[in-house]
Amino acid sequence: MAALFTVFALVALALETALPHLLPLRTIVPNLIVILAVDLGLRHHGALPALIAFGMGYATDAFSGTHLGLNALFVTLVFLVAYEMSSRLMVTNAFVGAILVLVSTMVVAFGTIVLGTGFDSLAYTGPLIPALIIQAVLSAALAPPIFAILASVKKAIGLPTAVARE
């Protein structure tokens, strides 16, 4: 499982790094790491998935050049929220995951901006809100197909695709 999410995280980080330079609108890049963290939290429980989520966030920090540990904190928090939602809800389908990706993408983007630049920047974040909403909606729209790809790859290599309910 660690190798699978490592490969997917590296592909996601490569896309997130390259796409802003290829697209005319740089804000239309989905947060693929949040999608992976939500899938990890909804379908895999334990210490290893939490460590994988932290590693994905730390790798995001290394690729993006931001404050080291900031994305690691938020991606781990996304994993923990998804984990709690999957353990409390009776149904954790792609729709629930997409809604969680929508909210998590906005929280992660806004949180990294505010904590990365300081709370004094709250007055200047107004123009960023539409871009954050576009990124969150695009991430949520891409979440179900990515969840399906992850499930099919897990099934093909023999990994469990979801947590067994008690």
N, C-alpha and C. Protein backbone atom coordinates (compact mmCIF):
# COMPACT_ATOMS: atom_id res chain seq x y z
N MET A 1 0.83 -1.19 0.00
CA MET A 1 0.00 0.00 0.00
C MET A 1 0.88 1.26 0.00
N ALA A 2 1.97 1.21 0.76
CA ALA A 2 2.86 2.38 0.81
C ALA A 2 3.46 2.66 -0.56
N ALA A 3 3.85 1.62 -1.26
CA ALA A 3 4.44 1.81 -2.59
C ALA A 3 3.41 2.38 -3.57
N LEU A 4 2.18 1.88 -3.49
CA LEU A 4 1.13 2.37 -4.38
C LEU A 4 0.88 3.86 -4.18
N PHE A 5 0.71 4.28 -2.92
CA PHE A 5 0.43 5.69 -2.66
C PHE A 5 1.66 6.55 -2.91
N THR A 6 2.86 5.99 -2.78
CA THR A 6 4.07 6.74 -3.11
C THR A 6 4.10 7.05 -4.61
N VAL A 7 3.79 6.05 -5.42
CA VAL A 7 3.78 6.26 -6.87
C VAL A 7 2.70 7.26 -7.25
N PHE A 8 1.49 7.10 -6.71
CA PHE A 8 0.41 8.03 -7.02
C PHE A 8 0.73 9.44 -6.54
N ALA A 9 1.35 9.57 -5.36
CA ALA A 9 1.71 10.89 -4.84
C ALA A 9 2.78 11.55 -5.71
N LEU A 10 3.75 10.78 -6.17
CA LEU A 10 4.78 11.36 -7.04
C LEU A 10 4.19 11.82 -8.37
N VAL A 11 3.29 11.03 -8.93
CA VAL A 11 2.62 11.44 -10.17
C VAL A 11 1.78 12.70 -9.92
N ALA A 12 1.06 12.72 -8.80
CA ALA A 12 0.23 13.89 -8.47
C ALA A 12 1.09 15.13 -8.28
N LEU A 13 2.21 15.00 -7.59
CA LEU A 13 3.08 16.16 -7.38
C LEU A 13 3.72 16.62 -8.68
N ALA A 14 4.06 15.68 -9.54
CA ALA A 14 4.62 16.07 -10.84
C ALA A 14 3.59 16.84 -11.66
N LEU A 15 2.34 16.37 -11.65
CA LEU A 15 1.28 17.08 -12.37
C LEU A 15 1.01 18.45 -11.76
N GLU A 16 0.93 18.51 -10.44
CA GLU A 16 0.65 19.79 -9.78
C GLU A 16 1.78 20.79 -9.98
N THR A 17 2.99 20.29 -10.18
CA THR A 17 4.13 21.17 -10.40
C THR A 17 4.21 21.62 -11.86
N ALA A 18 3.91 20.73 -12.78
CA ALA A 18 4.06 21.04 -14.20
C ALA A 18 2.86 21.78 -14.79
N LEU A 19 1.66 21.44 -14.37
CA LEU A 19 0.46 22.02 -14.98
C LEU A 19 0.38 23.55 -14.86
N PRO A 20 0.77 24.16 -13.75
CA PRO A 20 0.69 25.63 -13.71
C PRO A 20 1.54 26.32 -14.77
N HIS A 21 2.61 25.66 -15.20
CA HIS A 21 3.46 26.25 -16.23
C HIS A 21 2.92 26.01 -17.64
N LEU A 22 2.02 25.04 -17.77
CA LEU A 22 1.47 24.71 -19.09
C LEU A 22 0.12 25.36 -19.35
N LEU A 23 -0.62 25.65 -18.29
CA LEU A 23 -1.97 26.22 -18.44
C LEU A 23 -1.93 27.74 -18.36
N PRO A 24 -2.79 28.41 -19.11
CA PRO A 24 -2.82 29.87 -19.03
C PRO A 24 -3.38 30.36 -17.68
N LEU A 25 -4.31 29.62 -17.12
CA LEU A 25 -4.86 29.98 -15.81
C LEU A 25 -4.25 29.06 -14.76
N ARG A 26 -3.35 29.56 -13.98
CA ARG A 26 -2.61 28.73 -13.04
C ARG A 26 -3.45 28.24 -11.86
N THR A 27 -4.59 28.87 -11.65
CA THR A 27 -5.41 28.45 -10.51
C THR A 27 -6.24 27.21 -10.80
N ILE A 28 -6.28 26.78 -12.05
CA ILE A 28 -7.10 25.63 -12.41
C ILE A 28 -6.27 24.35 -12.33
N VAL A 29 -5.64 24.16 -11.21
CA VAL A 29 -4.88 22.93 -10.96
C VAL A 29 -5.49 22.28 -9.73
N PRO A 30 -6.04 21.08 -9.87
CA PRO A 30 -6.67 20.44 -8.71
C PRO A 30 -5.63 20.02 -7.68
N ASN A 31 -6.07 19.90 -6.46
CA ASN A 31 -5.19 19.44 -5.39
C ASN A 31 -5.30 17.92 -5.31
N LEU A 32 -4.46 17.24 -6.05
CA LEU A 32 -4.51 15.78 -6.14
C LEU A 32 -4.06 15.10 -4.85
N ILE A 33 -3.20 15.75 -4.09
CA ILE A 33 -2.73 15.17 -2.83
C ILE A 33 -3.88 15.10 -1.83
N VAL A 34 -4.74 16.10 -1.82
CA VAL A 34 -5.90 16.06 -0.93
C VAL A 34 -6.82 14.90 -1.33
N ILE A 35 -6.99 14.68 -2.63
CA ILE A 35 -7.82 13.56 -3.09
C ILE A 35 -7.24 12.24 -2.60
N LEU A 36 -5.93 12.08 -2.70
CA LEU A 36 -5.29 10.85 -2.22
C LEU A 36 -5.43 10.70 -0.71
N ALA A 37 -5.29 11.81 0.02
CA ALA A 37 -5.42 11.75 1.48
C ALA A 37 -6.84 11.38 1.91
N VAL A 38 -7.84 11.89 1.19
CA VAL A 38 -9.23 11.55 1.50
C VAL A 38 -9.48 10.07 1.23
N ASP A 39 -8.99 9.57 0.09
CA ASP A 39 -9.15 8.15 -0.21
C ASP A 39 -8.46 7.30 0.85
N LEU A 40 -7.30 7.70 1.26
CA LEU A 40 -6.56 6.98 2.28
C LEU A 40 -7.33 6.95 3.60
N GLY A 41 -7.89 8.10 3.98
CA GLY A 41 -8.64 8.18 5.24
C GLY A 41 -9.96 7.44 5.21
N LEU A 42 -10.64 7.46 4.05
CA LEU A 42 -11.94 6.79 3.96
C LEU A 42 -11.81 5.28 3.89
N ARG A 43 -10.75 4.78 3.30
CA ARG A 43 -10.68 3.35 3.00
C ARG A 43 -9.59 2.57 3.73
N HIS A 44 -8.66 3.23 4.38
CA HIS A 44 -7.57 2.53 5.07
C HIS A 44 -7.38 3.14 6.44
N HIS A 45 -7.35 2.27 7.45
CA HIS A 45 -7.18 2.74 8.82
C HIS A 45 -5.93 2.13 9.43
N GLY A 46 -5.36 2.84 10.36
CA GLY A 46 -4.18 2.34 11.03
C GLY A 46 -3.07 3.37 11.04
N ALA A 47 -1.93 2.95 11.57
CA ALA A 47 -0.79 3.86 11.69
C ALA A 47 -0.09 4.07 10.35
N LEU A 48 0.01 3.03 9.53
CA LEU A 48 0.69 3.17 8.24
C LEU A 48 0.00 4.17 7.32
N PRO A 49 -1.32 4.13 7.15
CA PRO A 49 -1.96 5.16 6.32
C PRO A 49 -1.75 6.58 6.85
N ALA A 50 -1.75 6.75 8.17
CA ALA A 50 -1.49 8.08 8.73
C ALA A 50 -0.08 8.53 8.41
N LEU A 51 0.87 7.63 8.48
CA LEU A 51 2.25 7.94 8.14
C LEU A 51 2.39 8.25 6.65
N ILE A 52 1.67 7.53 5.82
CA ILE A 52 1.68 7.80 4.38
C ILE A 52 1.11 9.20 4.10
N ALA A 53 0.02 9.55 4.78
CA ALA A 53 -0.57 10.89 4.59
C ALA A 53 0.43 11.97 5.00
N PHE A 54 1.10 11.78 6.12
CA PHE A 54 2.11 12.74 6.55
C PHE A 54 3.23 12.84 5.51
N GLY A 55 3.66 11.70 4.98
CA GLY A 55 4.72 11.69 3.98
C GLY A 55 4.31 12.40 2.70
N MET A 56 3.04 12.23 2.29
CA MET A 56 2.55 12.93 1.10
C MET A 56 2.57 14.44 1.33
N GLY A 57 2.15 14.87 2.51
CA GLY A 57 2.18 16.30 2.82
C GLY A 57 3.59 16.85 2.89
N TYR A 58 4.50 16.07 3.46
CA TYR A 58 5.89 16.50 3.57
C TYR A 58 6.53 16.57 2.18
N ALA A 59 6.19 15.62 1.31
CA ALA A 59 6.69 15.65 -0.07
C ALA A 59 6.13 16.87 -0.80
N THR A 60 4.89 17.23 -0.52
CA THR A 60 4.31 18.44 -1.12
C THR A 60 5.10 19.66 -0.69
N ASP A 61 5.48 19.71 0.59
CA ASP A 61 6.31 20.82 1.07
C ASP A 61 7.66 20.85 0.36
N ALA A 62 8.24 19.68 0.16
CA ALA A 62 9.55 19.62 -0.50
C ALA A 62 9.46 20.06 -1.96
N PHE A 63 8.37 19.69 -2.66
CA PHE A 63 8.20 20.06 -4.06
C PHE A 63 7.82 21.53 -4.21
N SER A 64 7.01 22.05 -3.30
CA SER A 64 6.48 23.41 -3.48
C SER A 64 7.39 24.48 -2.93
N GLY A 65 8.28 24.13 -2.04
CA GLY A 65 9.19 25.12 -1.50
C GLY A 65 8.57 26.02 -0.45
N THR A 66 7.45 25.61 0.11
CA THR A 66 6.81 26.42 1.15
C THR A 66 7.43 26.09 2.50
N HIS A 67 6.82 26.57 3.52
CA HIS A 67 7.31 26.29 4.87
C HIS A 67 7.25 24.79 5.12
N LEU A 68 8.37 24.22 5.47
CA LEU A 68 8.46 22.78 5.65
C LEU A 68 7.57 22.35 6.82
N GLY A 69 6.68 21.43 6.56
CA GLY A 69 5.78 20.89 7.57
C GLY A 69 4.37 21.43 7.51
N LEU A 70 4.15 22.52 6.79
CA LEU A 70 2.82 23.12 6.73
C LEU A 70 1.84 22.24 5.98
N ASN A 71 2.21 21.80 4.79
CA ASN A 71 1.33 20.89 4.05
C ASN A 71 1.25 19.53 4.73
N ALA A 72 2.33 19.11 5.37
CA ALA A 72 2.31 17.84 6.11
C ALA A 72 1.25 17.90 7.20
N LEU A 73 1.16 19.01 7.88
CA LEU A 73 0.14 19.20 8.91
C LEU A 73 -1.26 19.12 8.32
N PHE A 74 -1.50 19.86 7.24
CA PHE A 74 -2.85 19.91 6.68
C PHE A 74 -3.26 18.60 6.01
N VAL A 75 -2.36 17.94 5.32
CA VAL A 75 -2.70 16.66 4.67
C VAL A 75 -2.98 15.61 5.73
N THR A 76 -2.22 15.63 6.82
CA THR A 76 -2.48 14.69 7.92
C THR A 76 -3.83 15.00 8.56
N LEU A 77 -4.18 16.27 8.70
CA LEU A 77 -5.49 16.63 9.24
C LEU A 77 -6.61 16.19 8.31
N VAL A 78 -6.40 16.32 7.00
CA VAL A 78 -7.40 15.84 6.03
C VAL A 78 -7.59 14.34 6.19
N PHE A 79 -6.49 13.61 6.31
CA PHE A 79 -6.58 12.16 6.52
C PHE A 79 -7.37 11.86 7.79
N LEU A 80 -7.08 12.56 8.87
CA LEU A 80 -7.76 12.29 10.14
C LEU A 80 -9.25 12.60 10.07
N VAL A 81 -9.63 13.67 9.38
CA VAL A 81 -11.05 13.99 9.22
C VAL A 81 -11.74 12.93 8.38
N ALA A 82 -11.09 12.51 7.30
CA ALA A 82 -11.68 11.45 6.45
C ALA A 82 -11.78 10.14 7.23
N TYR A 83 -10.78 9.84 8.02
CA TYR A 83 -10.80 8.64 8.85
C TYR A 83 -11.97 8.68 9.83
N GLU A 84 -12.15 9.80 10.49
CA GLU A 84 -13.26 9.94 11.45
C GLU A 84 -14.61 9.87 10.75
N MET A 85 -14.71 10.49 9.57
CA MET A 85 -15.98 10.42 8.84
C MET A 85 -16.30 8.99 8.44
N SER A 86 -15.29 8.25 8.00
CA SER A 86 -15.56 6.88 7.56
C SER A 86 -15.89 5.97 8.73
N SER A 87 -15.38 6.28 9.91
CA SER A 87 -15.70 5.44 11.06
C SER A 87 -17.04 5.82 11.69
N ARG A 88 -17.56 7.01 11.40
CA ARG A 88 -18.83 7.46 11.97
C ARG A 88 -20.01 7.27 11.03
N LEU A 89 -19.78 7.39 9.72
CA LEU A 89 -20.88 7.27 8.76
C LEU A 89 -21.08 5.81 8.36
N MET A 90 -22.28 5.49 8.03
CA MET A 90 -22.58 4.13 7.56
C MET A 90 -22.23 3.97 6.09
N VAL A 91 -22.22 5.08 5.35
CA VAL A 91 -21.94 5.02 3.92
C VAL A 91 -20.79 5.98 3.61
N THR A 92 -19.75 5.47 3.01
CA THR A 92 -18.66 6.32 2.55
C THR A 92 -18.43 6.02 1.08
N ASN A 93 -19.20 6.68 0.24
CA ASN A 93 -19.12 6.46 -1.20
C ASN A 93 -18.35 7.61 -1.85
N ALA A 94 -18.33 7.62 -3.17
CA ALA A 94 -17.58 8.64 -3.92
C ALA A 94 -18.18 10.03 -3.71
N PHE A 95 -19.50 10.13 -3.51
CA PHE A 95 -20.13 11.43 -3.29
C PHE A 95 -19.66 12.03 -1.97
N VAL A 96 -19.65 11.23 -0.92
CA VAL A 96 -19.17 11.70 0.38
C VAL A 96 -17.70 12.11 0.27
N GLY A 97 -16.93 11.31 -0.45
CA GLY A 97 -15.52 11.64 -0.65
C GLY A 97 -15.33 12.93 -1.42
N ALA A 98 -16.16 13.15 -2.44
CA ALA A 98 -16.05 14.38 -3.23
C ALA A 98 -16.40 15.62 -2.40
N ILE A 99 -17.43 15.50 -1.56
CA ILE A 99 -17.78 16.62 -0.67
C ILE A 99 -16.64 16.89 0.31
N LEU A 100 -16.06 15.84 0.83
CA LEU A 100 -14.93 15.99 1.74
C LEU A 100 -13.73 16.60 1.03
N VAL A 101 -13.50 16.24 -0.22
CA VAL A 101 -12.41 16.83 -1.00
C VAL A 101 -12.69 18.31 -1.24
N LEU A 102 -13.92 18.66 -1.54
CA LEU A 102 -14.29 20.06 -1.77
C LEU A 102 -13.95 20.91 -0.55
N VAL A 103 -14.43 20.50 0.60
CA VAL A 103 -14.20 21.26 1.83
C VAL A 103 -12.72 21.24 2.21
N SER A 104 -12.10 20.08 2.11
CA SER A 104 -10.70 19.96 2.51
C SER A 104 -9.78 20.79 1.63
N THR A 105 -10.05 20.85 0.34
CA THR A 105 -9.21 21.65 -0.56
C THR A 105 -9.26 23.12 -0.19
N MET A 106 -10.45 23.61 0.13
CA MET A 106 -10.57 25.02 0.52
C MET A 106 -9.86 25.27 1.85
N VAL A 107 -10.03 24.36 2.81
CA VAL A 107 -9.40 24.53 4.12
C VAL A 107 -7.88 24.47 4.00
N VAL A 108 -7.37 23.52 3.23
CA VAL A 108 -5.93 23.38 3.06
C VAL A 108 -5.34 24.61 2.37
N ALA A 109 -5.97 25.06 1.28
CA ALA A 109 -5.44 26.21 0.56
C ALA A 109 -5.49 27.47 1.41
N PHE A 110 -6.62 27.72 2.04
CA PHE A 110 -6.75 28.91 2.87
C PHE A 110 -5.83 28.82 4.09
N GLY A 111 -5.76 27.64 4.71
CA GLY A 111 -4.91 27.47 5.89
C GLY A 111 -3.44 27.65 5.59
N THR A 112 -2.97 27.10 4.47
CA THR A 112 -1.55 27.27 4.14
C THR A 112 -1.22 28.71 3.79
N ILE A 113 -2.17 29.42 3.18
CA ILE A 113 -1.93 30.83 2.88
C ILE A 113 -1.84 31.63 4.18
N VAL A 114 -2.81 31.43 5.04
CA VAL A 114 -2.87 32.22 6.27
C VAL A 114 -1.71 31.88 7.21
N LEU A 115 -1.46 30.58 7.43
CA LEU A 115 -0.36 30.22 8.33
C LEU A 115 1.01 30.46 7.70
N GLY A 116 1.10 30.36 6.39
CA GLY A 116 2.38 30.57 5.72
C GLY A 116 2.79 32.02 5.64
N THR A 117 1.82 32.92 5.54
CA THR A 117 2.14 34.34 5.42
C THR A 117 1.84 35.13 6.69
N GLY A 118 1.22 34.51 7.63
CA GLY A 118 0.89 35.20 8.88
C GLY A 118 -0.56 35.65 8.87
N PHE A 119 -1.08 35.84 10.05
CA PHE A 119 -2.49 36.20 10.18
C PHE A 119 -2.77 37.63 9.73
N ASP A 120 -1.73 38.43 9.51
CA ASP A 120 -1.93 39.77 9.00
C ASP A 120 -2.43 39.77 7.57
N SER A 121 -2.24 38.66 6.87
CA SER A 121 -2.64 38.58 5.47
C SER A 121 -4.13 38.30 5.29
N LEU A 122 -4.86 38.12 6.37
CA LEU A 122 -6.30 37.83 6.25
C LEU A 122 -7.04 38.92 5.48
N ALA A 123 -6.61 40.16 5.63
CA ALA A 123 -7.29 41.26 4.94
C ALA A 123 -7.06 41.21 3.43
N TYR A 124 -6.01 40.54 2.99
CA TYR A 124 -5.67 40.52 1.56
C TYR A 124 -6.06 39.23 0.86
N THR A 125 -6.72 38.32 1.55
CA THR A 125 -7.07 37.03 0.95
C THR A 125 -8.38 37.08 0.17
N GLY A 126 -9.10 38.16 0.21
CA GLY A 126 -10.38 38.28 -0.49
C GLY A 126 -10.31 37.96 -1.97
N PRO A 127 -9.34 38.52 -2.71
CA PRO A 127 -9.26 38.20 -4.14
C PRO A 127 -8.89 36.74 -4.43
N LEU A 128 -8.37 36.03 -3.46
CA LEU A 128 -7.99 34.63 -3.68
C LEU A 128 -9.17 33.67 -3.54
N ILE A 129 -10.25 34.11 -2.92
CA ILE A 129 -11.38 33.23 -2.65
C ILE A 129 -11.96 32.61 -3.93
N PRO A 130 -12.20 33.37 -5.01
CA PRO A 130 -12.73 32.72 -6.22
C PRO A 130 -11.79 31.64 -6.78
N ALA A 131 -10.50 31.90 -6.74
CA ALA A 131 -9.54 30.90 -7.24
C ALA A 131 -9.56 29.66 -6.36
N LEU A 132 -9.68 29.84 -5.05
CA LEU A 132 -9.74 28.69 -4.14
C LEU A 132 -11.01 27.88 -4.38
N ILE A 133 -12.11 28.55 -4.65
CA ILE A 133 -13.37 27.85 -4.92
C ILE A 133 -13.28 27.06 -6.23
N ILE A 134 -12.68 27.67 -7.25
CA ILE A 134 -12.52 26.96 -8.53
C ILE A 134 -11.65 25.72 -8.35
N GLN A 135 -10.55 25.87 -7.61
CA GLN A 135 -9.67 24.72 -7.37
C GLN A 135 -10.40 23.63 -6.58
N ALA A 136 -11.19 24.02 -5.60
CA ALA A 136 -11.91 23.05 -4.78
C ALA A 136 -12.98 22.31 -5.60
N VAL A 137 -13.70 23.03 -6.44
CA VAL A 137 -14.74 22.40 -7.27
C VAL A 137 -14.11 21.45 -8.28
N LEU A 138 -13.01 21.88 -8.89
CA LEU A 138 -12.32 21.00 -9.84
C LEU A 138 -11.77 19.76 -9.15
N SER A 139 -11.21 19.93 -7.97
CA SER A 139 -10.71 18.78 -7.20
C SER A 139 -11.84 17.82 -6.85
N ALA A 140 -12.98 18.37 -6.43
CA ALA A 140 -14.12 17.53 -6.08
C ALA A 140 -14.67 16.80 -7.31
N ALA A 141 -14.65 17.46 -8.46
CA ALA A 141 -15.13 16.81 -9.69
C ALA A 141 -14.21 15.68 -10.13
N LEU A 142 -12.92 15.82 -9.89
CA LEU A 142 -11.96 14.78 -10.27
C LEU A 142 -11.86 13.66 -9.24
N ALA A 143 -12.38 13.89 -8.04
CA ALA A 143 -12.23 12.89 -6.97
C ALA A 143 -12.85 11.53 -7.30
N PRO A 144 -14.12 11.45 -7.73
CA PRO A 144 -14.69 10.12 -8.01
C PRO A 144 -13.93 9.31 -9.06
N PRO A 145 -13.51 9.91 -10.19
CA PRO A 145 -12.72 9.09 -11.13
C PRO A 145 -11.38 8.64 -10.54
N ILE A 146 -10.75 9.49 -9.76
CA ILE A 146 -9.48 9.10 -9.15
C ILE A 146 -9.71 8.02 -8.10
N PHE A 147 -10.80 8.12 -7.33
CA PHE A 147 -11.14 7.05 -6.39
C PHE A 147 -11.33 5.73 -7.13
N ALA A 148 -12.00 5.78 -8.29
CA ALA A 148 -12.23 4.56 -9.07
C ALA A 148 -10.92 3.99 -9.61
N ILE A 149 -10.04 4.86 -10.07
CA ILE A 149 -8.73 4.39 -10.55
C ILE A 149 -7.95 3.73 -9.42
N LEU A 150 -7.94 4.38 -8.27
CA LEU A 150 -7.25 3.80 -7.11
C LEU A 150 -7.84 2.45 -6.72
N ALA A 151 -9.17 2.36 -6.71
CA ALA A 151 -9.81 1.09 -6.35
C ALA A 151 -9.48 -0.01 -7.34
N SER A 152 -9.47 0.33 -8.63
CA SER A 152 -9.16 -0.71 -9.63
C SER A 152 -7.70 -1.14 -9.55
N VAL A 153 -6.79 -0.22 -9.29
CA VAL A 153 -5.38 -0.59 -9.14
C VAL A 153 -5.18 -1.43 -7.88
N LYS A 154 -5.85 -1.04 -6.79
CA LYS A 154 -5.75 -1.83 -5.55
C LYS A 154 -6.28 -3.24 -5.77
N LYS A 155 -7.40 -3.34 -6.48
CA LYS A 155 -7.98 -4.66 -6.75
C LYS A 155 -7.05 -5.48 -7.64
N ALA A 156 -6.44 -4.84 -8.62
CA ALA A 156 -5.55 -5.55 -9.54
C ALA A 156 -4.31 -6.10 -8.85
N ILE A 157 -3.81 -5.39 -7.84
CA ILE A 157 -2.60 -5.86 -7.16
C ILE A 157 -2.92 -6.62 -5.88
N GLY A 158 -4.21 -6.75 -5.56
CA GLY A 158 -4.60 -7.58 -4.43
C GLY A 158 -4.70 -6.87 -3.09
N LEU A 159 -4.76 -5.55 -3.08
CA LEU A 159 -4.93 -4.81 -1.83
C LEU A 159 -6.42 -4.68 -1.53
N PRO A 160 -6.78 -4.61 -0.25
CA PRO A 160 -8.19 -4.36 0.07
C PRO A 160 -8.57 -2.95 -0.36
N THR A 161 -9.75 -2.79 -0.95
CA THR A 161 -10.17 -1.48 -1.46
C THR A 161 -10.91 -0.66 -0.41
N ALA A 162 -11.32 -1.27 0.68
CA ALA A 162 -12.04 -0.52 1.72
C ALA A 162 -11.84 -1.20 3.05
N VAL A 163 -12.13 -0.44 4.10
CA VAL A 163 -12.04 -0.96 5.46
C VAL A 163 -13.22 -1.89 5.71
N ALA A 164 -12.94 -3.01 6.30
CA ALA A 164 -14.02 -3.95 6.63
C ALA A 164 -14.82 -3.40 7.80
N ARG A 165 -16.13 -3.33 7.65
CA ARG A 165 -17.01 -2.85 8.71
C ARG A 165 -17.23 -3.96 9.74
N GLU A 166 -17.35 -3.55 10.98
CA GLU A 166 -17.55 -4.53 12.05
C GLU A 166 -19.00 -4.88 12.25
